[in-house]
Amino acid sequence: MVKKNKIPVYSDDDDSFLGFIINDNTTWQAVTIFGYLISLTTSRNEAEAVLKEKGPDYLKGIWQYYDKDERDWFPCVIKQAFEQRVVVNRTNTLGYQDPDDYKQVVIEDPTENDLIKST
């Protein structure tokens, strides 16, 4: 993610941090708080609207992370997200944590090479 031109967006209701919008000189991007692309838009207002509508809920649901130790992708849920770090819990494909397979992982500077939204 481009570090310059990042504009933080906060909720109008409770002033919680929703994510960033980024202007790359051709489009505007609405991205999660750790930089994962939610949507490309043509204007700043559209990008802000996407974050205000989808930002908080976008982190919910099932994601997949790449476990470098096991060299494989696993389903997970995001427990905490920060600009430079994400904490995930391994789950099954339905998003439930199996005590026999539980693992909590901290991903530093996550990218689409190690953390992706499940479809």
C-alpha atoms as a PDB file:
ATOM      1  CA  MET A   1       0.000   0.000   0.000  1.00  0.00           C
ATOM      2  CA  VAL A   2       1.212   3.486  -0.794  1.00  0.00           C
ATOM      3  CA  LYS A   3       2.175   5.215   2.438  1.00  0.00           C
ATOM      4  CA  LYS A   4       1.708   8.784   1.197  1.00  0.00           C
ATOM      5  CA  ASN A   5      -1.701  10.100   0.225  1.00  0.00           C
ATOM      6  CA  LYS A   6      -3.363   7.896   2.865  1.00  0.00           C
ATOM      7  CA  ILE A   7      -6.285   9.711   4.414  1.00  0.00           C
ATOM      8  CA  PRO A   8      -7.762   8.162   7.576  1.00  0.00           C
ATOM      9  CA  VAL A   9     -11.555   7.944   7.735  1.00  0.00           C
ATOM     10  CA  TYR A  10     -13.505   7.877  10.988  1.00  0.00           C
ATOM     11  CA  SER A  11     -17.122   7.070  11.760  1.00  0.00           C
ATOM     12  CA  ASP A  12     -19.462  10.026  12.086  1.00  0.00           C
ATOM     13  CA  ASP A  13     -21.324   8.240  14.906  1.00  0.00           C
ATOM     14  CA  ASP A  14     -18.637   7.209  17.371  1.00  0.00           C
ATOM     15  CA  ASP A  15     -15.400   8.500  15.802  1.00  0.00           C
ATOM     16  CA  SER A  16     -14.052   4.953  15.401  1.00  0.00           C
ATOM     17  CA  PHE A  17     -11.343   4.370  12.806  1.00  0.00           C
ATOM     18  CA  LEU A  18     -12.819   2.807   9.641  1.00  0.00           C
ATOM     19  CA  GLY A  19      -9.867   2.624   7.269  1.00  0.00           C
ATOM     20  CA  PHE A  20      -8.071   4.740   4.712  1.00  0.00           C
ATOM     21  CA  ILE A  21      -8.778   6.266   1.367  1.00  0.00           C
ATOM     22  CA  ILE A  22      -5.877   6.554  -1.036  1.00  0.00           C
ATOM     23  CA  ASN A  23      -5.531   8.694  -4.143  1.00  0.00           C
ATOM     24  CA  ASP A  24      -3.155   7.074  -6.635  1.00  0.00           C
ATOM     25  CA  ASN A  25      -3.633   9.883  -9.188  1.00  0.00           C
ATOM     26  CA  THR A  26      -5.991   7.792 -11.361  1.00  0.00           C
ATOM     27  CA  THR A  27      -8.510   6.347  -8.894  1.00  0.00           C
ATOM     28  CA  TRP A  28      -9.484   6.528  -5.259  1.00  0.00           C
ATOM     29  CA  GLN A  29      -9.161   3.393  -3.150  1.00  0.00           C
ATOM     30  CA  ALA A  30     -11.112   2.463  -0.044  1.00  0.00           C
ATOM     31  CA  VAL A  31      -8.910   0.161   2.046  1.00  0.00           C
ATOM     32  CA  THR A  32      -9.179  -1.554   5.421  1.00  0.00           C
ATOM     33  CA  ILE A  33      -7.252  -0.254   8.398  1.00  0.00           C
ATOM     34  CA  PHE A  34      -4.365  -2.542   7.417  1.00  0.00           C
ATOM     35  CA  GLY A  35      -4.481  -1.680   3.722  1.00  0.00           C
ATOM     36  CA  TYR A  36      -6.529  -4.462   2.125  1.00  0.00           C
ATOM     37  CA  LEU A  37      -8.432  -3.121  -0.879  1.00  0.00           C
ATOM     38  CA  ILE A  38     -12.214  -2.948  -0.423  1.00  0.00           C
ATOM     39  CA  SER A  39     -13.105  -0.948  -3.522  1.00  0.00           C
ATOM     40  CA  LEU A  40     -11.802   1.311  -6.295  1.00  0.00           C
ATOM     41  CA  THR A  41     -13.824   4.458  -6.899  1.00  0.00           C
ATOM     42  CA  THR A  42     -13.661   7.540  -9.093  1.00  0.00           C
ATOM     43  CA  SER A  43     -13.937  10.136  -6.333  1.00  0.00           C
ATOM     44  CA  ARG A  44     -12.906  10.803  -2.767  1.00  0.00           C
ATOM     45  CA  ASN A  45     -16.549  11.075  -1.684  1.00  0.00           C
ATOM     46  CA  GLU A  46     -17.346   7.640  -3.131  1.00  0.00           C
ATOM     47  CA  ALA A  47     -14.337   6.084  -1.377  1.00  0.00           C
ATOM     48  CA  GLU A  48     -15.369   7.637   1.948  1.00  0.00           C
ATOM     49  CA  ALA A  49     -18.937   6.402   1.469  1.00  0.00           C
ATOM     50  CA  VAL A  50     -17.677   2.856   0.820  1.00  0.00           C
ATOM     51  CA  LEU A  51     -15.644   2.915   4.044  1.00  0.00           C
ATOM     52  CA  LYS A  52     -18.509   4.313   6.088  1.00  0.00           C
ATOM     53  CA  GLU A  53     -20.868   1.670   4.723  1.00  0.00           C
ATOM     54  CA  LYS A  54     -18.592  -1.387   4.541  1.00  0.00           C
ATOM     55  CA  GLY A  55     -15.447  -0.618   6.566  1.00  0.00           C
ATOM     56  CA  PRO A  56     -16.384  -2.043   9.970  1.00  0.00           C
ATOM     57  CA  ASP A  57     -18.206  -5.075   8.598  1.00  0.00           C
ATOM     58  CA  TYR A  58     -15.576  -5.881   5.983  1.00  0.00           C
ATOM     59  CA  LEU A  59     -13.217  -7.255   8.627  1.00  0.00           C
ATOM     60  CA  LYS A  60     -15.910  -9.645   9.835  1.00  0.00           C
ATOM     61  CA  GLY A  61     -16.493 -13.007   8.267  1.00  0.00           C
ATOM     62  CA  ILE A  62     -14.066 -15.617   7.114  1.00  0.00           C
ATOM     63  CA  TRP A  63     -10.653 -14.746   5.784  1.00  0.00           C
ATOM     64  CA  GLN A  64      -7.724 -16.950   4.808  1.00  0.00           C
ATOM     65  CA  TYR A  65      -4.165 -16.567   5.967  1.00  0.00           C
ATOM     66  CA  TYR A  66      -0.991 -18.184   4.699  1.00  0.00           C
ATOM     67  CA  ASP A  67       0.797 -20.036   7.470  1.00  0.00           C
ATOM     68  CA  LYS A  68       4.508 -19.747   6.702  1.00  0.00           C
ATOM     69  CA  ASP A  69       5.404 -22.598   9.059  1.00  0.00           C
ATOM     70  CA  GLU A  70       2.910 -25.033   7.530  1.00  0.00           C
ATOM     71  CA  ARG A  71       3.175 -23.577   4.006  1.00  0.00           C
ATOM     72  CA  ASP A  72      -0.556 -23.654   3.407  1.00  0.00           C
ATOM     73  CA  TRP A  73      -3.651 -21.440   3.483  1.00  0.00           C
ATOM     74  CA  PHE A  74      -6.099 -21.744   6.384  1.00  0.00           C
ATOM     75  CA  PRO A  75      -9.496 -20.160   7.102  1.00  0.00           C
ATOM     76  CA  CYS A  76      -9.510 -17.659   9.935  1.00  0.00           C
ATOM     77  CA  VAL A  77     -11.334 -14.790  11.582  1.00  0.00           C
ATOM     78  CA  ILE A  78      -9.754 -11.457  12.387  1.00  0.00           C
ATOM     79  CA  LYS A  79      -9.649 -10.852  16.139  1.00  0.00           C
ATOM     80  CA  GLN A  80      -7.748  -7.546  16.106  1.00  0.00           C
ATOM     81  CA  ALA A  81      -6.623  -5.302  13.282  1.00  0.00           C
ATOM     82  CA  PHE A  82      -4.115  -2.493  13.413  1.00  0.00           C
ATOM     83  CA  GLU A  83      -2.410  -0.510  10.685  1.00  0.00           C
ATOM     84  CA  GLN A  84       0.760  -2.646  10.792  1.00  0.00           C
ATOM     85  CA  ARG A  85      -0.473  -5.902  12.334  1.00  0.00           C
ATOM     86  CA  VAL A  86      -3.436  -8.280  12.313  1.00  0.00           C
ATOM     87  CA  VAL A  87      -4.249 -11.004  14.844  1.00  0.00           C
ATOM     88  CA  VAL A  88      -6.211 -13.957  13.430  1.00  0.00           C
ATOM     89  CA  ASN A  89      -7.635 -17.152  14.877  1.00  0.00           C
ATOM     90  CA  ARG A  90      -7.626 -20.271  12.724  1.00  0.00           C
ATOM     91  CA  THR A  91     -11.112 -21.686  12.132  1.00  0.00           C
ATOM     92  CA  ASN A  92     -12.824 -24.260   9.973  1.00  0.00           C
ATOM     93  CA  THR A  93     -14.359 -23.195   6.650  1.00  0.00           C
ATOM     94  CA  LEU A  94     -17.570 -22.171   8.442  1.00  0.00           C
ATOM     95  CA  GLY A  95     -15.727 -19.839  10.804  1.00  0.00           C
ATOM     96  CA  TYR A  96     -15.904 -22.006  13.921  1.00  0.00           C
ATOM     97  CA  GLN A  97     -12.853 -22.540  16.091  1.00  0.00           C
ATOM     98  CA  ASP A  98     -12.028 -26.208  16.539  1.00  0.00           C
ATOM     99  CA  PRO A  99     -10.156 -26.765  19.824  1.00  0.00           C
ATOM    100  CA  ASP A 100      -8.033 -29.476  18.161  1.00  0.00           C
ATOM    101  CA  ASP A 101      -6.932 -27.154  15.347  1.00  0.00           C
ATOM    102  CA  TYR A 102      -6.916 -23.788  17.161  1.00  0.00           C
ATOM    103  CA  LYS A 103      -4.058 -21.450  16.452  1.00  0.00           C
ATOM    104  CA  GLN A 104      -3.722 -17.702  16.958  1.00  0.00           C
ATOM    105  CA  VAL A 105      -1.379 -15.964  14.548  1.00  0.00           C
ATOM    106  CA  VAL A 106      -0.002 -12.421  14.430  1.00  0.00           C
ATOM    107  CA  ILE A 107       0.622 -11.211  10.888  1.00  0.00           C
ATOM    108  CA  GLU A 108       2.971  -8.253  10.634  1.00  0.00           C
ATOM    109  CA  ASP A 109       2.397  -5.861   7.715  1.00  0.00           C
ATOM    110  CA  PRO A 110      -0.240  -8.084   6.079  1.00  0.00           C
ATOM    111  CA  THR A 111      -0.569  -8.115   2.299  1.00  0.00           C
ATOM    112  CA  GLU A 112      -2.652 -10.104  -0.160  1.00  0.00           C
ATOM    113  CA  ASN A 113       0.195 -12.645  -0.154  1.00  0.00           C
ATOM    114  CA  ASP A 114      -0.625 -13.719   3.387  1.00  0.00           C
ATOM    115  CA  LEU A 115      -4.168 -12.544   4.203  1.00  0.00           C
ATOM    116  CA  ILE A 116      -7.162 -12.558   1.854  1.00  0.00           C
ATOM    117  CA  LYS A 117     -10.928 -12.253   2.222  1.00  0.00           C
ATOM    118  CA  SER A 118     -12.757 -15.548   1.543  1.00  0.00           C
ATOM    119  CA  THR A 119     -15.413 -15.404  -1.120  1.00  0.00           C
END
